[in-house]
PDB file of N, CA and C in Angstrom:
ATOM      1  N   PRO A   1       0.771  -1.233   0.600  1.00  0.00           N
ATOM      2  CA  PRO A   1       0.731   0.303   0.154  1.00  0.00           C
ATOM      3  C   PRO A   1       1.256   2.010  -0.008  1.00  0.00           C
ATOM      4  N   GLY A   2      -0.005   2.290  -0.387  1.00  0.00           N
ATOM      5  CA  GLY A   2       1.188   3.855  -0.416  1.00  0.00           C
ATOM      6  C   GLY A   2       1.219   3.791   1.141  1.00  0.00           C
ATOM      7  N   GLY A   3       1.410   5.305   1.659  1.00  0.00           N
ATOM      8  CA  GLY A   3       1.440   5.811   3.381  1.00  0.00           C
ATOM      9  C   GLY A   3       0.260   6.376   3.640  1.00  0.00           C
ATOM     10  N   SER A   4      -0.825   6.192   2.708  1.00  0.00           N
ATOM     11  CA  SER A   4      -1.943   7.180   3.317  1.00  0.00           C
ATOM     12  C   SER A   4      -2.419   5.449   4.457  1.00  0.00           C
ATOM     13  N   GLU A   5      -3.029   6.345   5.438  1.00  0.00           N
ATOM     14  CA  GLU A   5      -4.117   5.673   6.248  1.00  0.00           C
ATOM     15  C   GLU A   5      -5.149   4.689   4.961  1.00  0.00           C
ATOM     16  N   ALA A   6      -6.158   5.531   4.203  1.00  0.00           N
ATOM     17  CA  ALA A   6      -6.871   5.036   2.890  1.00  0.00           C
ATOM     18  C   ALA A   6      -6.128   4.030   2.622  1.00  0.00           C
ATOM     19  N   SER A   7      -4.833   3.828   2.202  1.00  0.00           N
ATOM     20  CA  SER A   7      -4.025   2.741   1.561  1.00  0.00           C
ATOM     21  C   SER A   7      -3.935   2.098   2.150  1.00  0.00           C
ATOM     22  N   LEU A   8      -4.125   1.437   3.675  1.00  0.00           N
ATOM     23  CA  LEU A   8      -3.768   0.366   4.277  1.00  0.00           C
ATOM     24  C   LEU A   8      -4.669  -0.070   4.703  1.00  0.00           C
ATOM     25  N   GLN A   9      -6.157   0.849   4.331  1.00  0.00           N
ATOM     26  CA  GLN A   9      -7.681   0.586   4.714  1.00  0.00           C
ATOM     27  C   GLN A   9      -8.049  -0.366   3.368  1.00  0.00           C
ATOM     28  N   LEU A  10      -7.660   0.506   2.486  1.00  0.00           N
ATOM     29  CA  LEU A  10      -7.412  -0.368   1.329  1.00  0.00           C
ATOM     30  C   LEU A  10      -6.615  -1.678   0.765  1.00  0.00           C
ATOM     31  N   ALA A  11      -5.466  -1.894   1.801  1.00  0.00           N
ATOM     32  CA  ALA A  11      -4.995  -3.526   1.293  1.00  0.00           C
ATOM     33  C   ALA A  11      -5.620  -4.037   2.459  1.00  0.00           C
ATOM     34  N   SER A  12      -6.001  -3.656   3.823  1.00  0.00           N
ATOM     35  CA  SER A  12      -7.003  -4.886   4.763  1.00  0.00           C
ATOM     36  C   SER A  12      -7.707  -5.578   2.907  1.00  0.00           C
ATOM     37  N   LEU A  13      -8.412  -4.452   3.319  1.00  0.00           N
ATOM     38  CA  LEU A  13      -9.233  -4.982   1.616  1.00  0.00           C
ATOM     39  C   LEU A  13      -8.731  -5.795   1.302  1.00  0.00           C
ATOM     40  N   ALA A  14      -8.531  -5.490  -0.078  1.00  0.00           N
ATOM     41  CA  ALA A  14      -7.671  -6.785  -0.368  1.00  0.00           C
ATOM     42  C   ALA A  14      -6.843  -7.743   0.193  1.00  0.00           C
ATOM     43  N   LEU A  15      -6.167  -7.568   0.777  1.00  0.00           N
ATOM     44  CA  LEU A  15      -6.686  -8.991   1.767  1.00  0.00           C
ATOM     45  C   LEU A  15      -7.059 -10.000   2.471  1.00  0.00           C
ATOM     46  N   GLY A  16      -8.406  -9.027   2.445  1.00  0.00           N
ATOM     47  CA  GLY A  16      -8.936 -10.483   3.411  1.00  0.00           C
ATOM     48  C   GLY A  16     -10.061 -10.624   1.552  1.00  0.00           C
ATOM     49  N   ALA A  17     -10.208  -9.473   0.850  1.00  0.00           N
ATOM     50  CA  ALA A  17     -10.742 -10.495  -0.900  1.00  0.00           C
ATOM     51  C   ALA A  17      -9.772 -11.023  -1.592  1.00  0.00           C
ATOM     52  N   THR A  18      -8.578 -11.190  -1.080  1.00  0.00           N
ATOM     53  CA  THR A  18      -7.952 -11.824  -1.979  1.00  0.00           C
ATOM     54  C   THR A  18      -7.873 -13.802  -1.082  1.00  0.00           C
ATOM     55  N   LYS A  19      -7.636 -13.832   0.174  1.00  0.00           N
ATOM     56  CA  LYS A  19      -8.343 -14.825   0.890  1.00  0.00           C
ATOM     57  C   LYS A  19      -9.504 -15.829   0.937  1.00  0.00           C
ATOM     58  N   GLN A  20     -10.474 -14.620   0.529  1.00  0.00           N
ATOM     59  CA  GLN A  20     -12.030 -15.200  -0.192  1.00  0.00           C
ATOM     60  C   GLN A  20     -11.656 -15.960  -1.628  1.00  0.00           C
ATOM     61  N   ALA A  21     -11.695 -15.227  -2.681  1.00  0.00           N
ATOM     62  CA  ALA A  21     -11.848 -15.222  -4.144  1.00  0.00           C
ATOM     63  C   ALA A  21      -9.893 -16.345  -4.728  1.00  0.00           C
ATOM     64  N   ALA A  22      -9.086 -15.820  -4.093  1.00  0.00           N
ATOM     65  CA  ALA A  22      -7.919 -16.865  -4.268  1.00  0.00           C
ATOM     66  C   ALA A  22      -7.383 -17.649  -3.197  1.00  0.00           C
ATOM     67  N   PRO A  23      -8.357 -19.347  -2.492  1.00  0.00           N
ATOM     68  CA  PRO A  23      -7.527 -19.265  -1.105  1.00  0.00           C
ATOM     69  C   PRO A  23      -6.188 -20.198  -1.416  1.00  0.00           C
ATOM     70  N   GLN A  24      -5.866 -20.411  -2.214  1.00  0.00           N
ATOM     71  CA  GLN A  24      -3.951 -20.824  -3.886  1.00  0.00           C
ATOM     72  C   GLN A  24      -3.447 -20.086  -2.790  1.00  0.00           C
ATOM     73  N   MET A  25      -3.318 -19.049  -3.062  1.00  0.00           N
ATOM     74  CA  MET A  25      -2.573 -17.117  -3.180  1.00  0.00           C
ATOM     75  C   MET A  25      -1.637 -17.900  -1.534  1.00  0.00           C
ATOM     76  N   GLN A  26      -1.354 -17.090  -1.558  1.00  0.00           N
ATOM     77  CA  GLN A  26      -0.420 -16.413   0.114  1.00  0.00           C
ATOM     78  C   GLN A  26       0.111 -15.277   0.567  1.00  0.00           C
ATOM     79  N   PRO A  27      -1.157 -14.513  -0.164  1.00  0.00           N
ATOM     80  CA  PRO A  27      -1.102 -12.527  -0.052  1.00  0.00           C
ATOM     81  C   PRO A  27      -0.567 -12.264   1.297  1.00  0.00           C
ATOM     82  N   PHE A  28       0.820 -10.882   0.866  1.00  0.00           N
ATOM     83  CA  PHE A  28       1.295 -10.670   2.062  1.00  0.00           C
ATOM     84  C   PHE A  28       1.131  -8.897   1.823  1.00  0.00           C
ATOM     85  N   VAL A  29       0.642  -8.299   2.730  1.00  0.00           N
ATOM     86  CA  VAL A  29       1.292  -7.096   2.453  1.00  0.00           C
ATOM     87  C   VAL A  29       2.457  -6.194   3.325  1.00  0.00           C
ATOM     88  N   ARG A  30       3.578  -5.729   2.072  1.00  0.00           N
ATOM     89  CA  ARG A  30       4.078  -4.184   2.580  1.00  0.00           C
ATOM     90  C   ARG A  30       4.228  -3.581   2.853  1.00  0.00           C
ATOM     91  N   MET A  31       4.937  -2.744   3.583  1.00  0.00           N
ATOM     92  CA  MET A  31       4.596  -1.751   2.883  1.00  0.00           C
ATOM     93  C   MET A  31       5.565  -0.255   2.631  1.00  0.00           C
ATOM     94  N   ARG A  32       4.763   0.152   2.104  1.00  0.00           N
ATOM     95  CA  ARG A  32       5.779   1.476   1.252  1.00  0.00           C
ATOM     96  C   ARG A  32       7.124   0.912   1.766  1.00  0.00           C
ATOM     97  N   ASN A  33       7.318   1.109   2.438  1.00  0.00           N
ATOM     98  CA  ASN A  33       8.958   1.548   2.813  1.00  0.00           C
ATOM     99  C   ASN A  33       9.994   0.515   3.377  1.00  0.00           C
ATOM    100  N   ASP A  34       9.674  -0.547   2.744  1.00  0.00           N
ATOM    101  CA  ASP A  34       9.464  -2.346   2.994  1.00  0.00           C
ATOM    102  C   ASP A  34      10.926  -1.823   1.704  1.00  0.00           C
ATOM    103  N   LEU A  35      12.244  -2.467   2.056  1.00  0.00           N
ATOM    104  CA  LEU A  35      12.715  -2.006   0.379  1.00  0.00           C
ATOM    105  C   LEU A  35      13.452  -3.106   0.221  1.00  0.00           C
ATOM    106  N   LYS A  36      11.788  -3.939  -0.553  1.00  0.00           N
ATOM    107  CA  LYS A  36      11.242  -5.208  -0.467  1.00  0.00           C
ATOM    108  C   LYS A  36      10.090  -5.153  -1.714  1.00  0.00           C
ATOM    109  N   SER A  37      10.100  -3.621  -1.132  1.00  0.00           N
ATOM    110  CA  SER A  37       8.064  -3.160  -2.232  1.00  0.00           C
ATOM    111  C   SER A  37       9.030  -2.833  -2.967  1.00  0.00           C
ATOM    112  N   TYR A  38       7.477  -2.852  -3.789  1.00  0.00           N
ATOM    113  CA  TYR A  38       8.158  -2.793  -5.525  1.00  0.00           C
ATOM    114  C   TYR A  38       7.232  -1.465  -6.007  1.00  0.00           C
ATOM    115  N   LEU A  39       6.621  -0.793  -5.147  1.00  0.00           N
ATOM    116  CA  LEU A  39       5.958   0.515  -5.061  1.00  0.00           C
ATOM    117  C   LEU A  39       6.707   1.203  -5.637  1.00  0.00           C
ATOM    118  N   TYR A  40       7.618   1.424  -5.035  1.00  0.00           N
ATOM    119  CA  TYR A  40       8.656   2.586  -5.717  1.00  0.00           C
ATOM    120  C   TYR A  40       9.180   2.818  -7.137  1.00  0.00           C
ATOM    121  N   ASN A  41       8.727   2.242  -7.700  1.00  0.00           N
ATOM    122  CA  ASN A  41       8.772   1.868  -9.176  1.00  0.00           C
ATOM    123  C   ASN A  41       7.377   2.052 -10.080  1.00  0.00           C
ATOM    124  N   THR A  42       6.211   2.227  -9.746  1.00  0.00           N
ATOM    125  CA  THR A  42       4.958   2.630 -10.782  1.00  0.00           C
ATOM    126  C   THR A  42       4.773   3.778 -10.029  1.00  0.00           C
ATOM    127  N   ASP A  43       3.390   3.933 -10.870  1.00  0.00           N
ATOM    128  CA  ASP A  43       2.306   4.715 -11.394  1.00  0.00           C
ATOM    129  C   ASP A  43       1.891   5.226  -9.982  1.00  0.00           C
ATOM    130  N   GLY A  44       1.972   4.058  -9.010  1.00  0.00           N
ATOM    131  CA  GLY A  44       0.993   4.193  -7.913  1.00  0.00           C
ATOM    132  C   GLY A  44       1.677   5.486  -7.338  1.00  0.00           C
ATOM    133  N   LEU A  45       2.685   6.102  -7.217  1.00  0.00           N
ATOM    134  CA  LEU A  45       3.606   6.804  -6.414  1.00  0.00           C
ATOM    135  C   LEU A  45       2.371   8.848  -7.154  1.00  0.00           C
ATOM    136  N   ILE A  46       2.406   8.384  -8.330  1.00  0.00           N
ATOM    137  CA  ILE A  46       2.200   9.844  -8.713  1.00  0.00           C
ATOM    138  C   ILE A  46       0.589   9.425  -7.951  1.00  0.00           C
ATOM    139  N   PHE A  47      -0.502   8.584  -8.077  1.00  0.00           N
ATOM    140  CA  PHE A  47      -1.236   8.545  -7.456  1.00  0.00           C
ATOM    141  C   PHE A  47      -1.794   9.065  -6.821  1.00  0.00           C
ATOM    142  N   GLU A  48      -0.637   8.418  -6.005  1.00  0.00           N
ATOM    143  CA  GLU A  48      -0.648   8.717  -4.011  1.00  0.00           C
ATOM    144  C   GLU A  48      -0.046  10.324  -3.666  1.00  0.00           C
ATOM    145  N   ARG A  49       0.477  10.390  -5.171  1.00  0.00           N
ATOM    146  CA  ARG A  49       0.967  11.376  -4.682  1.00  0.00           C
ATOM    147  C   ARG A  49      -0.077  13.190  -4.756  1.00  0.00           C
ATOM    148  N   GLU A  50      -1.296  12.634  -5.475  1.00  0.00           N
ATOM    149  CA  GLU A  50      -2.346  13.468  -5.875  1.00  0.00           C
ATOM    150  C   GLU A  50      -3.444  12.932  -5.162  1.00  0.00           C
ATOM    151  N   GLY A  51      -3.239  11.717  -3.607  1.00  0.00           N
ATOM    152  CA  GLY A  51      -3.918  12.126  -2.890  1.00  0.00           C
ATOM    153  C   GLY A  51      -4.684  10.998  -2.893  1.00  0.00           C
ATOM    154  N   TYR A  52      -4.842   9.610  -4.026  1.00  0.00           N
ATOM    155  CA  TYR A  52      -5.318   8.769  -4.168  1.00  0.00           C
ATOM    156  C   TYR A  52      -5.025   7.252  -2.894  1.00  0.00           C
ATOM    157  N   PRO A  53      -5.936   6.392  -2.746  1.00  0.00           N
ATOM    158  CA  PRO A  53      -5.632   5.327  -1.850  1.00  0.00           C
ATOM    159  C   PRO A  53      -4.195   4.892  -2.532  1.00  0.00           C
ATOM    160  N   VAL A  54      -3.765   3.800  -2.743  1.00  0.00           N
ATOM    161  CA  VAL A  54      -3.110   2.776  -3.444  1.00  0.00           C
ATOM    162  C   VAL A  54      -2.544   1.739  -3.199  1.00  0.00           C
ATOM    163  N   VAL A  55      -2.598   0.893  -3.905  1.00  0.00           N
ATOM    164  CA  VAL A  55      -2.142  -0.965  -3.398  1.00  0.00           C
ATOM    165  C   VAL A  55      -1.347  -1.014  -4.687  1.00  0.00           C
ATOM    166  N   PHE A  56      -1.091  -2.406  -4.869  1.00  0.00           N
ATOM    167  CA  PHE A  56       0.207  -2.875  -5.523  1.00  0.00           C
ATOM    168  C   PHE A  56      -0.002  -4.232  -5.072  1.00  0.00           C
ATOM    169  N   PHE A  57      -1.240  -4.612  -6.925  1.00  0.00           N
ATOM    170  CA  PHE A  57      -1.067  -6.331  -6.335  1.00  0.00           C
ATOM    171  C   PHE A  57       0.322  -6.656  -6.982  1.00  0.00           C
ATOM    172  N   ASN A  58       1.600  -7.701  -7.040  1.00  0.00           N
ATOM    173  CA  ASN A  58       2.614  -7.832  -7.240  1.00  0.00           C
ATOM    174  C   ASN A  58       2.984  -9.717  -7.327  1.00  0.00           C
ATOM    175  N   GLU A  59       3.548  -9.876  -7.713  1.00  0.00           N
ATOM    176  CA  GLU A  59       4.165 -11.135  -7.638  1.00  0.00           C
ATOM    177  C   GLU A  59       5.852 -10.697  -6.798  1.00  0.00           C
ATOM    178  N   LYS A  60       6.119 -11.636  -6.623  1.00  0.00           N
ATOM    179  CA  LYS A  60       7.862 -11.398  -5.414  1.00  0.00           C
ATOM    180  C   LYS A  60       8.441 -10.058  -6.110  1.00  0.00           C
ATOM    181  N   MET A  61       8.162  -9.098  -6.049  1.00  0.00           N
ATOM    182  CA  MET A  61       9.022  -8.752  -7.696  1.00  0.00           C
ATOM    183  C   MET A  61      10.043  -7.822  -5.822  1.00  0.00           C
ATOM    184  N   ASN A  62      10.930  -6.794  -6.172  1.00  0.00           N
ATOM    185  CA  ASN A  62      11.591  -5.677  -5.949  1.00  0.00           C
ATOM    186  C   ASN A  62      13.024  -5.911  -6.998  1.00  0.00           C
ATOM    187  N   ARG A  63      13.756  -4.466  -5.913  1.00  0.00           N
ATOM    188  CA  ARG A  63      14.983  -4.103  -6.616  1.00  0.00           C
ATOM    189  C   ARG A  63      15.812  -4.854  -6.090  1.00  0.00           C
ATOM    190  N   PHE A  64      15.627  -6.310  -5.676  1.00  0.00           N
ATOM    191  CA  PHE A  64      16.012  -7.157  -6.212  1.00  0.00           C
ATOM    192  C   PHE A  64      16.034  -8.753  -6.705  1.00  0.00           C
ATOM    193  N   THR A  65      15.392  -8.499  -7.312  1.00  0.00           N
ATOM    194  CA  THR A  65      14.369  -9.887  -8.042  1.00  0.00           C
ATOM    195  C   THR A  65      14.499  -8.935  -9.244  1.00  0.00           C
ATOM    196  N   LEU A  66      15.330  -7.655  -9.670  1.00  0.00           N
ATOM    197  CA  LEU A  66      14.693  -7.223 -10.938  1.00  0.00           C
ATOM    198  C   LEU A  66      15.147  -7.929 -12.554  1.00  0.00           C
ATOM    199  N   ASP A  67      16.917  -8.145 -12.324  1.00  0.00           N
ATOM    200  CA  ASP A  67      17.449  -9.220 -12.620  1.00  0.00           C
ATOM    201  C   ASP A  67      17.135 -10.983 -12.527  1.00  0.00           C
ATOM    202  N   ARG A  68      15.842 -10.953 -12.547  1.00  0.00           N
ATOM    203  CA  ARG A  68      15.543 -12.809 -13.055  1.00  0.00           C
ATOM    204  C   ARG A  68      15.244 -13.016 -14.300  1.00  0.00           C
ATOM    205  N   LYS A  69      15.195 -14.064 -14.683  1.00  0.00           N
ATOM    206  CA  LYS A  69      15.526 -13.682 -16.261  1.00  0.00           C
ATOM    207  C   LYS A  69      13.681 -13.810 -16.653  1.00  0.00           C
ATOM    208  N   GLY A  70      13.221 -13.664 -17.832  1.00  0.00           N
ATOM    209  CA  GLY A  70      11.655 -13.590 -18.035  1.00  0.00           C
ATOM    210  C   GLY A  70      11.399 -12.302 -18.196  1.00  0.00           C
ATOM    211  N   TYR A  71      12.129 -11.125 -16.940  1.00  0.00           N
ATOM    212  CA  TYR A  71      11.752  -9.494 -16.529  1.00  0.00           C
ATOM    213  C   TYR A  71      11.924  -8.134 -17.823  1.00  0.00           C
ATOM    214  N   HIS A  72      10.884  -8.232 -18.862  1.00  0.00           N
ATOM    215  CA  HIS A  72      11.042  -7.301 -19.707  1.00  0.00           C
ATOM    216  C   HIS A  72      12.219  -8.113 -20.216  1.00  0.00           C
ATOM    217  N   ASP A  73      12.438  -8.649 -21.084  1.00  0.00           N
ATOM    218  CA  ASP A  73      13.341  -9.388 -21.800  1.00  0.00           C
ATOM    219  C   ASP A  73      13.245 -10.216 -22.995  1.00  0.00           C
ATOM    220  N   MET A  74      13.743 -11.543 -23.644  1.00  0.00           N
ATOM    221  CA  MET A  74      13.090 -11.400 -25.020  1.00  0.00           C
ATOM    222  C   MET A  74      12.276 -13.196 -24.628  1.00  0.00           C
ATOM    223  N   ARG A  75      12.552 -13.478 -23.118  1.00  0.00           N
ATOM    224  CA  ARG A  75      11.795 -14.331 -22.516  1.00  0.00           C
ATOM    225  C   ARG A  75      10.420 -14.102 -21.753  1.00  0.00           C
ATOM    226  N   ASP A  76      10.305 -13.118 -21.597  1.00  0.00           N
ATOM    227  CA  ASP A  76       8.331 -12.121 -20.983  1.00  0.00           C
ATOM    228  C   ASP A  76       7.907 -12.458 -22.213  1.00  0.00           C
ATOM    229  N   VAL A  77       7.521 -13.871 -22.321  1.00  0.00           N
ATOM    230  CA  VAL A  77       6.131 -14.267 -23.111  1.00  0.00           C
ATOM    231  C   VAL A  77       5.452 -14.847 -22.538  1.00  0.00           C
ATOM    232  N   ALA A  78       4.498 -14.898 -23.571  1.00  0.00           N
ATOM    233  CA  ALA A  78       3.260 -15.447 -22.933  1.00  0.00           C
ATOM    234  C   ALA A  78       2.815 -17.593 -22.110  1.00  0.00           C
ATOM    235  N   ALA A  79       4.090 -17.561 -22.718  1.00  0.00           N
ATOM    236  CA  ALA A  79       4.008 -19.107 -22.831  1.00  0.00           C
ATOM    237  C   ALA A  79       4.852 -19.083 -21.858  1.00  0.00           C
ATOM    238  N   ASN A  80       5.946 -18.238 -20.705  1.00  0.00           N
ATOM    239  CA  ASN A  80       6.407 -18.520 -19.721  1.00  0.00           C
ATOM    240  C   ASN A  80       5.362 -17.578 -18.581  1.00  0.00           C
ATOM    241  N   VAL A  81       4.618 -17.382 -18.406  1.00  0.00           N
ATOM    242  CA  VAL A  81       3.872 -17.121 -17.903  1.00  0.00           C
ATOM    243  C   VAL A  81       3.279 -18.268 -17.127  1.00  0.00           C
ATOM    244  N   ASP A  82       2.593 -18.425 -15.745  1.00  0.00           N
ATOM    245  CA  ASP A  82       2.494 -19.223 -14.808  1.00  0.00           C
ATOM    246  C   ASP A  82       0.936 -18.769 -14.883  1.00  0.00           C
ATOM    247  N   MET A  83       0.480 -19.350 -15.295  1.00  0.00           N
ATOM    248  CA  MET A  83      -1.050 -18.847 -15.367  1.00  0.00           C
ATOM    249  C   MET A  83      -2.277 -18.973 -14.563  1.00  0.00           C
ATOM    250  N   GLU A  84      -1.747 -20.116 -13.809  1.00  0.00           N
ATOM    251  CA  GLU A  84      -2.454 -20.865 -12.360  1.00  0.00           C
ATOM    252  C   GLU A  84      -2.101 -19.176 -11.305  1.00  0.00           C
ATOM    253  N   TYR A  85      -0.902 -18.678 -11.810  1.00  0.00           N
ATOM    254  CA  TYR A  85      -0.644 -18.597 -10.412  1.00  0.00           C
ATOM    255  C   TYR A  85      -1.624 -16.733 -11.321  1.00  0.00           C
ATOM    256  N   ALA A  86      -1.095 -16.013 -12.199  1.00  0.00           N
ATOM    257  CA  ALA A  86      -1.646 -14.651 -13.254  1.00  0.00           C
ATOM    258  C   ALA A  86      -3.167 -14.503 -13.021  1.00  0.00           C
ATOM    259  N   THR A  87      -3.833 -16.217 -13.202  1.00  0.00           N
ATOM    260  CA  THR A  87      -4.991 -16.274 -12.128  1.00  0.00           C
ATOM    261  C   THR A  87      -6.033 -15.834 -11.190  1.00  0.00           C
ATOM    262  N   GLY A  88      -5.011 -16.350 -10.630  1.00  0.00           N
ATOM    263  CA  GLY A  88      -4.866 -15.480  -8.530  1.00  0.00           C
ATOM    264  C   GLY A  88      -4.603 -14.222  -8.485  1.00  0.00           C
ATOM    265  N   ILE A  89      -4.130 -13.893  -9.315  1.00  0.00           N
ATOM    266  CA  ILE A  89      -3.447 -12.325  -8.940  1.00  0.00           C
ATOM    267  C   ILE A  89      -5.215 -11.162  -9.544  1.00  0.00           C
ATOM    268  N   ALA A  90      -5.223 -12.219 -10.628  1.00  0.00           N
ATOM    269  CA  ALA A  90      -6.631 -10.743 -11.149  1.00  0.00           C
ATOM    270  C   ALA A  90      -8.001 -11.766 -10.900  1.00  0.00           C
ATOM    271  N   LYS A  91      -8.130 -12.594 -10.512  1.00  0.00           N
ATOM    272  CA  LYS A  91      -9.052 -12.812  -8.464  1.00  0.00           C
ATOM    273  C   LYS A  91      -8.745 -11.895  -8.041  1.00  0.00           C
ATOM    274  N   ALA A  92      -7.400 -11.264  -7.214  1.00  0.00           N
ATOM    275  CA  ALA A  92      -7.210 -11.000  -6.323  1.00  0.00           C
ATOM    276  C   ALA A  92      -7.928  -9.757  -6.613  1.00  0.00           C
ATOM    277  N   ALA A  93      -7.650  -9.181  -7.472  1.00  0.00           N
ATOM    278  CA  ALA A  93      -8.341  -7.036  -8.009  1.00  0.00           C
ATOM    279  C   ALA A  93      -9.495  -7.573  -8.548  1.00  0.00           C
ATOM    280  N   ILE A  94      -9.796  -8.612  -8.592  1.00  0.00           N
ATOM    281  CA  ILE A  94     -11.479  -8.024  -9.164  1.00  0.00           C
ATOM    282  C   ILE A  94     -12.176  -8.445  -7.923  1.00  0.00           C
ATOM    283  N   ALA A  95     -11.478  -9.322  -7.171  1.00  0.00           N
ATOM    284  CA  ALA A  95     -13.244  -9.423  -5.881  1.00  0.00           C
ATOM    285  C   ALA A  95     -12.407  -7.874  -5.067  1.00  0.00           C
ATOM    286  N   THR A  96     -11.365  -7.517  -4.856  1.00  0.00           N
ATOM    287  CA  THR A  96     -11.006  -6.154  -4.520  1.00  0.00           C
ATOM    288  C   THR A  96     -11.916  -4.401  -5.082  1.00  0.00           C
ATOM    289  N   ALA A  97     -11.811  -4.872  -6.255  1.00  0.00           N
ATOM    290  CA  ALA A  97     -12.081  -4.113  -7.043  1.00  0.00           C
ATOM    291  C   ALA A  97     -13.887  -3.907  -6.626  1.00  0.00           C
ATOM    292  N   GLU A  98     -14.769  -5.108  -6.426  1.00  0.00           N
ATOM    293  CA  GLU A  98     -16.308  -5.223  -6.259  1.00  0.00           C
ATOM    294  C   GLU A  98     -16.506  -5.061  -5.245  1.00  0.00           C
ATOM    295  N   ARG A  99     -15.020  -5.532  -4.022  1.00  0.00           N
ATOM    296  CA  ARG A  99     -15.884  -5.572  -2.524  1.00  0.00           C
ATOM    297  C   ARG A  99     -15.855  -3.478  -2.907  1.00  0.00           C
ATOM    298  N   LEU A 100     -14.991  -3.203  -3.269  1.00  0.00           N
ATOM    299  CA  LEU A 100     -15.011  -1.591  -3.607  1.00  0.00           C
ATOM    300  C   LEU A 100     -15.948  -0.517  -3.960  1.00  0.00           C
ATOM    301  N   ALA A 101     -16.818  -1.507  -4.837  1.00  0.00           N
ATOM    302  CA  ALA A 101     -17.991  -1.514  -5.357  1.00  0.00           C
ATOM    303  C   ALA A 101     -18.917  -1.131  -4.363  1.00  0.00           C
ATOM    304  N   ARG A 102     -19.331  -2.257  -3.559  1.00  0.00           N
ATOM    305  CA  ARG A 102     -20.303  -2.136  -2.903  1.00  0.00           C
ATOM    306  C   ARG A 102     -19.512  -1.460  -1.762  1.00  0.00           C
TER     307      ARG A 102
END
């Protein structure tokens, strides 16, 4: 999540939505200033600066894992995507959006 209280509430909501919609996932929350957070390298910071609450759904990607094979290189193709994992992330995001809409 971003650094605001609203972002922390959004992260809590997302965590609950993920546990329900994608129980095979093992979600966790990394705080904005955690060195393993990847929020620093996203547009989320721009939205946060404008006052919007933000939360970032992500694999275990961070400044320490940027050199992994398949990250923005020639192996970054659909055939190498873990579709079960990607489906879990999508379900988590959709369930979070659905809860926010209520």
